[in-house]
């Protein structure tokens, strides 16, 4: 989980970091500190990374219509929680991505715990999953973060995850379209890999952390994969 905190108030940043670390330890949040909203927009433009939760202290930002529209259109931002000294600024903060408003000092805001819990559950729902039905007719799902690689098997696909292998009735082209904005990338006509599982690679081969060697097709070169 990637969390951006935009504020020039060190006390607010520290309190948020401590509370979020306490409330969502299993997600191992990565915190990004910024002081100006333009810095965040520039960073997202130059990076493939996304922000799951954006805490925005508007006491230090100009929140005009142009800025609101710009933030609303950034697809790499999941949801926003606004922060300010007074609730009088609440009506400035109604965007489609708005999921909360906290009043400073945030440690005294009774909405803090509830806001974090709600966002945590929301972000967990955003995590893409591959859903399938097993041979017993039971509906199952795979968290894509646990996938090592996917191999084409005719009209089906074999998914390797958590040391297991399963065969599902979706072909690799369908899965590629479904997972196009995730870390599962097509690297060959017959393979997709989880970028986080790559140990090293060259123009012809990808070696995963498990030692598995995956062929790499010239058609599928991707900027996410660093050659060594």
Foldseek 3Di string as FASTA:
>chain_A
DEEEEADPDPLQVVVVVVVLCVQPVVVVYDYDYHHAPVVVVVVVVPDLAAHLEYEAECVRYDLDPVSLVSVLPSPRYQAYEYEYQDCVCVVSPDHPRYQYYAHPVRVPGPCVVVSSVVSVVVSVVVQDWDWAADPVRDIDIHRVVQWFKWFFDDQWIWTAGPNDIDIGRHGPVVVCVVQVSAQFFDFDPTMTGRLVQFPADAQFWTAGPVRDIDGGDNVRDDPSHDHD
